[in-house]
Amino acid sequence: MIKHIVLFKMRDDIAAAEKEVELKVIKAGLEALLGIAPTLRSIEVGINCNPAEKFDLSLIATFDNLDDLNAYAVHPDHVAVSKRIRAILDVRACNDFEF
């Protein structure tokens, strides 16, 4: 199985109120992929509550294998959420590991 962990830092030029709304919309969009993207086994999405930390949003998802992760990456509904993320994204960090 594959654990897919992603951290997102949004651009600093986004107003705090707008960032808060966008993060909630993105979180809901990612969580809605469970049951829609057939290779996605589980997903957790969290909005950072610690202002001392750099990243705004985290995602932990589980897949059976790397092929399934790659299929998820190009799923149309995932692509749509990704476009919304990229519109306000500054930095993305990712780690995929087998367990």
PDB file of N, CA and C in Angstrom:
ATOM      1  N   MET A   1       0.841  -1.176   0.000  1.00  0.00           N
ATOM      2  CA  MET A   1       0.000   0.000   0.000  1.00  0.00           C
ATOM      3  C   MET A   1       0.890   1.244   0.000  1.00  0.00           C
ATOM      4  N   ILE A   2       0.324   2.330  -0.484  1.00  0.00           N
ATOM      5  CA  ILE A   2       1.037   3.606  -0.596  1.00  0.00           C
ATOM      6  C   ILE A   2       0.350   4.653   0.268  1.00  0.00           C
ATOM      7  N   LYS A   3       1.139   5.350   1.057  1.00  0.00           N
ATOM      8  CA  LYS A   3       0.667   6.519   1.807  1.00  0.00           C
ATOM      9  C   LYS A   3       1.190   7.740   1.052  1.00  0.00           C
ATOM     10  N   HIS A   4       0.283   8.636   0.708  1.00  0.00           N
ATOM     11  CA  HIS A   4       0.572   9.847  -0.073  1.00  0.00           C
ATOM     12  C   HIS A   4       0.342  11.033   0.868  1.00  0.00           C
ATOM     13  N   ILE A   5       1.417  11.724   1.216  1.00  0.00           N
ATOM     14  CA  ILE A   5       1.326  12.849   2.150  1.00  0.00           C
ATOM     15  C   ILE A   5       1.744  14.115   1.419  1.00  0.00           C
ATOM     16  N   VAL A   6       0.887  15.127   1.464  1.00  0.00           N
ATOM     17  CA  VAL A   6       1.166  16.383   0.758  1.00  0.00           C
ATOM     18  C   VAL A   6       0.929  17.545   1.716  1.00  0.00           C
ATOM     19  N   LEU A   7       1.843  18.509   1.693  1.00  0.00           N
ATOM     20  CA  LEU A   7       1.704  19.752   2.446  1.00  0.00           C
ATOM     21  C   LEU A   7       1.623  20.902   1.453  1.00  0.00           C
ATOM     22  N   PHE A   8       0.720  21.840   1.704  1.00  0.00           N
ATOM     23  CA  PHE A   8       0.513  22.984   0.823  1.00  0.00           C
ATOM     24  C   PHE A   8       0.693  24.277   1.602  1.00  0.00           C
ATOM     25  N   LYS A   9       1.456  25.186   1.041  1.00  0.00           N
ATOM     26  CA  LYS A   9       1.557  26.546   1.568  1.00  0.00           C
ATOM     27  C   LYS A   9       0.994  27.476   0.500  1.00  0.00           C
ATOM     28  N   MET A  10       0.010  28.250   0.886  1.00  0.00           N
ATOM     29  CA  MET A  10      -0.616  29.153  -0.066  1.00  0.00           C
ATOM     30  C   MET A  10       0.134  30.487  -0.098  1.00  0.00           C
ATOM     31  N   ARG A  11      -0.053  31.210  -1.174  1.00  0.00           N
ATOM     32  CA  ARG A  11       0.664  32.481  -1.364  1.00  0.00           C
ATOM     33  C   ARG A  11       0.339  33.461  -0.240  1.00  0.00           C
ATOM     34  N   ASP A  12       1.332  34.237   0.152  1.00  0.00           N
ATOM     35  CA  ASP A  12       1.161  35.226   1.217  1.00  0.00           C
ATOM     36  C   ASP A  12       0.362  36.441   0.770  1.00  0.00           C
ATOM     37  N   ASP A  13       0.239  36.651  -0.536  1.00  0.00           N
ATOM     38  CA  ASP A  13      -0.502  37.821  -1.004  1.00  0.00           C
ATOM     39  C   ASP A  13      -2.021  37.604  -1.021  1.00  0.00           C
ATOM     40  N   ILE A  14      -2.471  36.428  -0.628  1.00  0.00           N
ATOM     41  CA  ILE A  14      -3.905  36.145  -0.532  1.00  0.00           C
ATOM     42  C   ILE A  14      -4.392  36.688   0.818  1.00  0.00           C
ATOM     43  N   ALA A  15      -5.452  37.471   0.801  1.00  0.00           N
ATOM     44  CA  ALA A  15      -6.022  38.005   2.040  1.00  0.00           C
ATOM     45  C   ALA A  15      -6.443  36.863   2.953  1.00  0.00           C
ATOM     46  N   ALA A  16      -6.285  37.048   4.258  1.00  0.00           N
ATOM     47  CA  ALA A  16      -6.570  35.993   5.232  1.00  0.00           C
ATOM     48  C   ALA A  16      -7.987  35.458   5.107  1.00  0.00           C
ATOM     49  N   ALA A  17      -8.957  36.343   4.945  1.00  0.00           N
ATOM     50  CA  ALA A  17     -10.358  35.901   4.839  1.00  0.00           C
ATOM     51  C   ALA A  17     -10.569  35.072   3.576  1.00  0.00           C
ATOM     52  N   GLU A  18      -9.973  35.506   2.465  1.00  0.00           N
ATOM     53  CA  GLU A  18     -10.090  34.755   1.205  1.00  0.00           C
ATOM     54  C   GLU A  18      -9.397  33.403   1.324  1.00  0.00           C
ATOM     55  N   LYS A  19      -8.217  33.389   1.940  1.00  0.00           N
ATOM     56  CA  LYS A  19      -7.475  32.135   2.119  1.00  0.00           C
ATOM     57  C   LYS A  19      -8.294  31.155   2.955  1.00  0.00           C
ATOM     58  N   GLU A  20      -8.920  31.632   4.009  1.00  0.00           N
ATOM     59  CA  GLU A  20      -9.728  30.778   4.870  1.00  0.00           C
ATOM     60  C   GLU A  20     -10.877  30.132   4.089  1.00  0.00           C
ATOM     61  N   VAL A  21     -11.557  30.923   3.270  1.00  0.00           N
ATOM     62  CA  VAL A  21     -12.650  30.399   2.451  1.00  0.00           C
ATOM     63  C   VAL A  21     -12.125  29.384   1.449  1.00  0.00           C
ATOM     64  N   GLU A  22     -11.046  29.725   0.753  1.00  0.00           N
ATOM     65  CA  GLU A  22     -10.489  28.814  -0.260  1.00  0.00           C
ATOM     66  C   GLU A  22     -10.032  27.502   0.360  1.00  0.00           C
ATOM     67  N   LEU A  23      -9.394  27.567   1.521  1.00  0.00           N
ATOM     68  CA  LEU A  23      -8.935  26.342   2.172  1.00  0.00           C
ATOM     69  C   LEU A  23     -10.109  25.431   2.517  1.00  0.00           C
ATOM     70  N   LYS A  24     -11.204  25.993   2.971  1.00  0.00           N
ATOM     71  CA  LYS A  24     -12.393  25.189   3.289  1.00  0.00           C
ATOM     72  C   LYS A  24     -12.983  24.555   2.041  1.00  0.00           C
ATOM     73  N   VAL A  25     -13.020  25.312   0.948  1.00  0.00           N
ATOM     74  CA  VAL A  25     -13.545  24.783  -0.319  1.00  0.00           C
ATOM     75  C   VAL A  25     -12.634  23.671  -0.840  1.00  0.00           C
ATOM     76  N   ILE A  26     -11.330  23.889  -0.779  1.00  0.00           N
ATOM     77  CA  ILE A  26     -10.363  22.885  -1.239  1.00  0.00           C
ATOM     78  C   ILE A  26     -10.461  21.627  -0.383  1.00  0.00           C
ATOM     79  N   LYS A  27     -10.527  21.791   0.926  1.00  0.00           N
ATOM     80  CA  LYS A  27     -10.647  20.648   1.838  1.00  0.00           C
ATOM     81  C   LYS A  27     -11.886  19.824   1.479  1.00  0.00           C
ATOM     82  N   ALA A  28     -13.008  20.485   1.317  1.00  0.00           N
ATOM     83  CA  ALA A  28     -14.248  19.784   0.974  1.00  0.00           C
ATOM     84  C   ALA A  28     -14.122  19.090  -0.384  1.00  0.00           C
ATOM     85  N   GLY A  29     -13.496  19.751  -1.340  1.00  0.00           N
ATOM     86  CA  GLY A  29     -13.317  19.166  -2.667  1.00  0.00           C
ATOM     87  C   GLY A  29     -12.452  17.924  -2.640  1.00  0.00           C
ATOM     88  N   LEU A  30     -11.377  17.967  -1.866  1.00  0.00           N
ATOM     89  CA  LEU A  30     -10.503  16.795  -1.756  1.00  0.00           C
ATOM     90  C   LEU A  30     -11.209  15.650  -1.037  1.00  0.00           C
ATOM     91  N   GLU A  31     -11.886  15.959   0.050  1.00  0.00           N
ATOM     92  CA  GLU A  31     -12.577  14.910   0.800  1.00  0.00           C
ATOM     93  C   GLU A  31     -13.692  14.272  -0.029  1.00  0.00           C
ATOM     94  N   ALA A  32     -14.307  15.038  -0.905  1.00  0.00           N
ATOM     95  CA  ALA A  32     -15.385  14.520  -1.752  1.00  0.00           C
ATOM     96  C   ALA A  32     -14.879  13.500  -2.773  1.00  0.00           C
ATOM     97  N   LEU A  33     -13.575  13.441  -2.992  1.00  0.00           N
ATOM     98  CA  LEU A  33     -13.018  12.493  -3.958  1.00  0.00           C
ATOM     99  C   LEU A  33     -13.144  11.041  -3.498  1.00  0.00           C
ATOM    100  N   LEU A  34     -13.274  10.832  -2.181  1.00  0.00           N
ATOM    101  CA  LEU A  34     -13.447   9.466  -1.673  1.00  0.00           C
ATOM    102  C   LEU A  34     -14.803   8.948  -2.158  1.00  0.00           C
ATOM    103  N   GLY A  35     -14.771   7.852  -2.870  1.00  0.00           N
ATOM    104  CA  GLY A  35     -15.996   7.311  -3.449  1.00  0.00           C
ATOM    105  C   GLY A  35     -16.206   7.743  -4.890  1.00  0.00           C
ATOM    106  N   ILE A  36     -15.493   8.772  -5.320  1.00  0.00           N
ATOM    107  CA  ILE A  36     -15.576   9.244  -6.708  1.00  0.00           C
ATOM    108  C   ILE A  36     -14.363   8.760  -7.491  1.00  0.00           C
ATOM    109  N   ALA A  37     -13.172   8.984  -6.940  1.00  0.00           N
ATOM    110  CA  ALA A  37     -11.934   8.487  -7.560  1.00  0.00           C
ATOM    111  C   ALA A  37     -11.760   7.039  -7.098  1.00  0.00           C
ATOM    112  N   PRO A  38     -11.943   6.078  -7.993  1.00  0.00           N
ATOM    113  CA  PRO A  38     -12.043   4.678  -7.573  1.00  0.00           C
ATOM    114  C   PRO A  38     -10.794   4.089  -6.925  1.00  0.00           C
ATOM    115  N   THR A  39      -9.624   4.644  -7.171  1.00  0.00           N
ATOM    116  CA  THR A  39      -8.403   4.070  -6.607  1.00  0.00           C
ATOM    117  C   THR A  39      -8.044   4.656  -5.241  1.00  0.00           C
ATOM    118  N   LEU A  40      -8.749   5.677  -4.814  1.00  0.00           N
ATOM    119  CA  LEU A  40      -8.507   6.317  -3.516  1.00  0.00           C
ATOM    120  C   LEU A  40      -9.127   5.469  -2.411  1.00  0.00           C
ATOM    121  N   ARG A  41      -8.297   4.960  -1.493  1.00  0.00           N
ATOM    122  CA  ARG A  41      -8.782   4.090  -0.414  1.00  0.00           C
ATOM    123  C   ARG A  41      -9.184   4.882   0.834  1.00  0.00           C
ATOM    124  N   SER A  42      -8.425   5.939   1.153  1.00  0.00           N
ATOM    125  CA  SER A  42      -8.765   6.785   2.299  1.00  0.00           C
ATOM    126  C   SER A  42      -8.135   8.151   2.083  1.00  0.00           C
ATOM    127  N   ILE A  43      -8.696   9.161   2.765  1.00  0.00           N
ATOM    128  CA  ILE A  43      -8.149  10.513   2.657  1.00  0.00           C
ATOM    129  C   ILE A  43      -8.469  11.281   3.937  1.00  0.00           C
ATOM    130  N   GLU A  44      -7.497  12.028   4.394  1.00  0.00           N
ATOM    131  CA  GLU A  44      -7.653  12.972   5.494  1.00  0.00           C
ATOM    132  C   GLU A  44      -7.092  14.301   5.018  1.00  0.00           C
ATOM    133  N   VAL A  45      -7.811  15.371   5.266  1.00  0.00           N
ATOM    134  CA  VAL A  45      -7.363  16.701   4.866  1.00  0.00           C
ATOM    135  C   VAL A  45      -7.500  17.608   6.080  1.00  0.00           C
ATOM    136  N   GLY A  46      -6.423  18.331   6.392  1.00  0.00           N
ATOM    137  CA  GLY A  46      -6.455  19.204   7.553  1.00  0.00           C
ATOM    138  C   GLY A  46      -5.990  20.604   7.235  1.00  0.00           C
ATOM    139  N   ILE A  47      -6.713  21.570   7.783  1.00  0.00           N
ATOM    140  CA  ILE A  47      -6.310  22.980   7.693  1.00  0.00           C
ATOM    141  C   ILE A  47      -5.496  23.279   8.946  1.00  0.00           C
ATOM    142  N   ASN A  48      -4.317  23.828   8.767  1.00  0.00           N
ATOM    143  CA  ASN A  48      -3.414  24.102   9.879  1.00  0.00           C
ATOM    144  C   ASN A  48      -4.048  25.058  10.885  1.00  0.00           C
ATOM    145  N   CYS A  49      -3.949  24.713  12.167  1.00  0.00           N
ATOM    146  CA  CYS A  49      -4.463  25.576  13.229  1.00  0.00           C
ATOM    147  C   CYS A  49      -3.333  26.201  14.044  1.00  0.00           C
ATOM    148  N   ASN A  50      -2.090  25.936  13.664  1.00  0.00           N
ATOM    149  CA  ASN A  50      -0.930  26.435  14.402  1.00  0.00           C
ATOM    150  C   ASN A  50      -0.252  27.547  13.607  1.00  0.00           C
ATOM    151  N   PRO A  51      -0.431  28.808  13.992  1.00  0.00           N
ATOM    152  CA  PRO A  51       0.142  29.911  13.218  1.00  0.00           C
ATOM    153  C   PRO A  51       1.674  29.936  13.200  1.00  0.00           C
ATOM    154  N   ALA A  52       2.306  29.163  14.049  1.00  0.00           N
ATOM    155  CA  ALA A  52       3.773  29.100  14.059  1.00  0.00           C
ATOM    156  C   ALA A  52       4.317  28.209  12.945  1.00  0.00           C
ATOM    157  N   GLU A  53       3.435  27.461  12.287  1.00  0.00           N
ATOM    158  CA  GLU A  53       3.867  26.550  11.231  1.00  0.00           C
ATOM    159  C   GLU A  53       3.707  27.165   9.851  1.00  0.00           C
ATOM    160  N   LYS A  54       4.500  26.685   8.913  1.00  0.00           N
ATOM    161  CA  LYS A  54       4.604  27.265   7.574  1.00  0.00           C
ATOM    162  C   LYS A  54       3.483  26.830   6.625  1.00  0.00           C
ATOM    163  N   PHE A  55       3.051  25.575   6.707  1.00  0.00           N
ATOM    164  CA  PHE A  55       2.106  25.039   5.729  1.00  0.00           C
ATOM    165  C   PHE A  55       0.663  25.268   6.168  1.00  0.00           C
ATOM    166  N   ASP A  56      -0.211  25.485   5.191  1.00  0.00           N
ATOM    167  CA  ASP A  56      -1.615  25.806   5.459  1.00  0.00           C
ATOM    168  C   ASP A  56      -2.537  24.595   5.440  1.00  0.00           C
ATOM    169  N   LEU A  57      -2.198  23.596   4.646  1.00  0.00           N
ATOM    170  CA  LEU A  57      -3.106  22.475   4.418  1.00  0.00           C
ATOM    171  C   LEU A  57      -2.291  21.201   4.284  1.00  0.00           C
ATOM    172  N   SER A  58      -2.817  20.112   4.826  1.00  0.00           N
ATOM    173  CA  SER A  58      -2.159  18.813   4.677  1.00  0.00           C
ATOM    174  C   SER A  58      -3.157  17.794   4.152  1.00  0.00           C
ATOM    175  N   LEU A  59      -2.621  16.819   3.447  1.00  0.00           N
ATOM    176  CA  LEU A  59      -3.427  15.744   2.877  1.00  0.00           C
ATOM    177  C   LEU A  59      -2.696  14.436   3.131  1.00  0.00           C
ATOM    178  N   ILE A  60      -3.422  13.444   3.616  1.00  0.00           N
ATOM    179  CA  ILE A  60      -2.894  12.094   3.771  1.00  0.00           C
ATOM    180  C   ILE A  60      -3.880  11.169   3.074  1.00  0.00           C
ATOM    181  N   ALA A  61      -3.401  10.480   2.049  1.00  0.00           N
ATOM    182  CA  ALA A  61      -4.269   9.587   1.278  1.00  0.00           C
ATOM    183  C   ALA A  61      -3.605   8.223   1.155  1.00  0.00           C
ATOM    184  N   THR A  62      -4.428   7.210   0.979  1.00  0.00           N
ATOM    185  CA  THR A  62      -3.941   5.839   0.870  1.00  0.00           C
ATOM    186  C   THR A  62      -4.398   5.217  -0.450  1.00  0.00           C
ATOM    187  N   PHE A  63      -3.461   4.495  -1.069  1.00  0.00           N
ATOM    188  CA  PHE A  63      -3.707   3.811  -2.340  1.00  0.00           C
ATOM    189  C   PHE A  63      -3.134   2.401  -2.254  1.00  0.00           C
ATOM    190  N   ASP A  64      -3.638   1.504  -3.075  1.00  0.00           N
ATOM    191  CA  ASP A  64      -3.118   0.138  -3.075  1.00  0.00           C
ATOM    192  C   ASP A  64      -1.695   0.070  -3.616  1.00  0.00           C
ATOM    193  N   ASN A  65      -1.374   0.924  -4.606  1.00  0.00           N
ATOM    194  CA  ASN A  65      -0.054   0.885  -5.237  1.00  0.00           C
ATOM    195  C   ASN A  65       0.189   2.208  -5.980  1.00  0.00           C
ATOM    196  N   LEU A  66       1.391   2.368  -6.522  1.00  0.00           N
ATOM    197  CA  LEU A  66       1.735   3.608  -7.233  1.00  0.00           C
ATOM    198  C   LEU A  66       0.915   3.808  -8.502  1.00  0.00           C
ATOM    199  N   ASP A  67       0.555   2.722  -9.180  1.00  0.00           N
ATOM    200  CA  ASP A  67      -0.296   2.860 -10.365  1.00  0.00           C
ATOM    201  C   ASP A  67      -1.636   3.487  -9.994  1.00  0.00           C
ATOM    202  N   ASP A  68      -2.179   3.088  -8.855  1.00  0.00           N
ATOM    203  CA  ASP A  68      -3.451   3.663  -8.403  1.00  0.00           C
ATOM    204  C   ASP A  68      -3.288   5.131  -8.031  1.00  0.00           C
ATOM    205  N   LEU A  69      -2.171   5.482  -7.416  1.00  0.00           N
ATOM    206  CA  LEU A  69      -1.890   6.894  -7.117  1.00  0.00           C
ATOM    207  C   LEU A  69      -1.810   7.699  -8.409  1.00  0.00           C
ATOM    208  N   ASN A  70      -1.140   7.156  -9.402  1.00  0.00           N
ATOM    209  CA  ASN A  70      -1.014   7.850 -10.691  1.00  0.00           C
ATOM    210  C   ASN A  70      -2.361   7.993 -11.395  1.00  0.00           C
ATOM    211  N   ALA A  71      -3.221   6.994 -11.266  1.00  0.00           N
ATOM    212  CA  ALA A  71      -4.562   7.086 -11.849  1.00  0.00           C
ATOM    213  C   ALA A  71      -5.381   8.168 -11.142  1.00  0.00           C
ATOM    214  N   TYR A  72      -5.246   8.270  -9.842  1.00  0.00           N
ATOM    215  CA  TYR A  72      -5.916   9.313  -9.055  1.00  0.00           C
ATOM    216  C   TYR A  72      -5.451  10.702  -9.498  1.00  0.00           C
ATOM    217  N   ALA A  73      -4.163  10.834  -9.745  1.00  0.00           N
ATOM    218  CA  ALA A  73      -3.589  12.135 -10.111  1.00  0.00           C
ATOM    219  C   ALA A  73      -4.221  12.712 -11.376  1.00  0.00           C
ATOM    220  N   VAL A  74      -4.665  11.856 -12.289  1.00  0.00           N
ATOM    221  CA  VAL A  74      -5.235  12.335 -13.546  1.00  0.00           C
ATOM    222  C   VAL A  74      -6.758  12.202 -13.593  1.00  0.00           C
ATOM    223  N   HIS A  75      -7.355  11.762 -12.494  1.00  0.00           N
ATOM    224  CA  HIS A  75      -8.823  11.666 -12.446  1.00  0.00           C
ATOM    225  C   HIS A  75      -9.404  13.071 -12.622  1.00  0.00           C
ATOM    226  N   PRO A  76     -10.412  13.255 -13.475  1.00  0.00           N
ATOM    227  CA  PRO A  76     -10.938  14.595 -13.776  1.00  0.00           C
ATOM    228  C   PRO A  76     -11.368  15.398 -12.546  1.00  0.00           C
ATOM    229  N   ASP A  77     -11.957  14.748 -11.561  1.00  0.00           N
ATOM    230  CA  ASP A  77     -12.388  15.484 -10.371  1.00  0.00           C
ATOM    231  C   ASP A  77     -11.195  15.915  -9.518  1.00  0.00           C
ATOM    232  N   HIS A  78     -10.152  15.093  -9.488  1.00  0.00           N
ATOM    233  CA  HIS A  78      -8.932  15.486  -8.783  1.00  0.00           C
ATOM    234  C   HIS A  78      -8.249  16.633  -9.514  1.00  0.00           C
ATOM    235  N   VAL A  79      -8.204  16.555 -10.824  1.00  0.00           N
ATOM    236  CA  VAL A  79      -7.600  17.624 -11.629  1.00  0.00           C
ATOM    237  C   VAL A  79      -8.312  18.954 -11.375  1.00  0.00           C
ATOM    238  N   ALA A  80      -9.629  18.920 -11.256  1.00  0.00           N
ATOM    239  CA  ALA A  80     -10.396  20.148 -11.004  1.00  0.00           C
ATOM    240  C   ALA A  80     -10.027  20.769  -9.659  1.00  0.00           C
ATOM    241  N   VAL A  81      -9.907  19.947  -8.620  1.00  0.00           N
ATOM    242  CA  VAL A  81      -9.510  20.470  -7.306  1.00  0.00           C
ATOM    243  C   VAL A  81      -8.069  20.970  -7.361  1.00  0.00           C
ATOM    244  N   SER A  82      -7.220  20.256  -8.069  1.00  0.00           N
ATOM    245  CA  SER A  82      -5.811  20.663  -8.192  1.00  0.00           C
ATOM    246  C   SER A  82      -5.661  22.030  -8.840  1.00  0.00           C
ATOM    247  N   LYS A  83      -6.500  22.319  -9.819  1.00  0.00           N
ATOM    248  CA  LYS A  83      -6.464  23.635 -10.468  1.00  0.00           C
ATOM    249  C   LYS A  83      -6.787  24.734  -9.472  1.00  0.00           C
ATOM    250  N   ARG A  84      -7.750  24.486  -8.614  1.00  0.00           N
ATOM    251  CA  ARG A  84      -8.119  25.472  -7.589  1.00  0.00           C
ATOM    252  C   ARG A  84      -6.952  25.682  -6.619  1.00  0.00           C
ATOM    253  N   ILE A  85      -6.293  24.589  -6.245  1.00  0.00           N
ATOM    254  CA  ILE A  85      -5.136  24.681  -5.354  1.00  0.00           C
ATOM    255  C   ILE A  85      -4.031  25.491  -6.014  1.00  0.00           C
ATOM    256  N   ARG A  86      -3.691  25.145  -7.254  1.00  0.00           N
ATOM    257  CA  ARG A  86      -2.580  25.825  -7.943  1.00  0.00           C
ATOM    258  C   ARG A  86      -2.819  27.320  -8.117  1.00  0.00           C
ATOM    259  N   ALA A  87      -4.080  27.739  -8.151  1.00  0.00           N
ATOM    260  CA  ALA A  87      -4.395  29.159  -8.318  1.00  0.00           C
ATOM    261  C   ALA A  87      -3.901  29.999  -7.146  1.00  0.00           C
ATOM    262  N   ILE A  88      -3.759  29.381  -5.965  1.00  0.00           N
ATOM    263  CA  ILE A  88      -3.304  30.144  -4.796  1.00  0.00           C
ATOM    264  C   ILE A  88      -2.062  29.530  -4.142  1.00  0.00           C
ATOM    265  N   LEU A  89      -1.471  28.528  -4.769  1.00  0.00           N
ATOM    266  CA  LEU A  89      -0.353  27.776  -4.189  1.00  0.00           C
ATOM    267  C   LEU A  89       0.973  28.514  -4.293  1.00  0.00           C
ATOM    268  N   ASP A  90       1.742  28.432  -3.216  1.00  0.00           N
ATOM    269  CA  ASP A  90       3.121  28.925  -3.205  1.00  0.00           C
ATOM    270  C   ASP A  90       4.085  27.738  -3.220  1.00  0.00           C
ATOM    271  N   VAL A  91       3.933  26.822  -2.250  1.00  0.00           N
ATOM    272  CA  VAL A  91       4.862  25.696  -2.102  1.00  0.00           C
ATOM    273  C   VAL A  91       4.064  24.420  -1.857  1.00  0.00           C
ATOM    274  N   ARG A  92       4.533  23.344  -2.465  1.00  0.00           N
ATOM    275  CA  ARG A  92       3.959  22.006  -2.239  1.00  0.00           C
ATOM    276  C   ARG A  92       5.091  21.068  -1.908  1.00  0.00           C
ATOM    277  N   ALA A  93       4.894  20.247  -0.862  1.00  0.00           N
ATOM    278  CA  ALA A  93       5.850  19.205  -0.505  1.00  0.00           C
ATOM    279  C   ALA A  93       5.084  17.883  -0.470  1.00  0.00           C
ATOM    280  N   CYS A  94       5.735  16.828  -0.971  1.00  0.00           N
ATOM    281  CA  CYS A  94       5.055  15.538  -1.065  1.00  0.00           C
ATOM    282  C   CYS A  94       6.010  14.418  -0.697  1.00  0.00           C
ATOM    283  N   ASN A  95       5.451  13.387  -0.058  1.00  0.00           N
ATOM    284  CA  ASN A  95       6.191  12.175   0.237  1.00  0.00           C
ATOM    285  C   ASN A  95       5.242  11.002   0.027  1.00  0.00           C
ATOM    286  N   ASP A  96       5.673  10.033  -0.769  1.00  0.00           N
ATOM    287  CA  ASP A  96       4.910   8.817  -1.001  1.00  0.00           C
ATOM    288  C   ASP A  96       5.742   7.651  -0.479  1.00  0.00           C
ATOM    289  N   PHE A  97       5.141   6.814   0.354  1.00  0.00           N
ATOM    290  CA  PHE A  97       5.903   5.679   0.864  1.00  0.00           C
ATOM    291  C   PHE A  97       5.035   4.442   0.954  1.00  0.00           C
ATOM    292  N   GLU A  98       5.716   3.300   0.877  1.00  0.00           N
ATOM    293  CA  GLU A  98       5.043   2.012   1.009  1.00  0.00           C
ATOM    294  C   GLU A  98       4.931   1.639   2.483  1.00  0.00           C
ATOM    295  N   PHE A  99       3.834   1.007   2.807  1.00  0.00           N
ATOM    296  CA  PHE A  99       3.680   0.508   4.181  1.00  0.00           C
ATOM    297  C   PHE A  99       2.964  -0.837   4.169  1.00  0.00           C
TER     298      PHE A  99
END
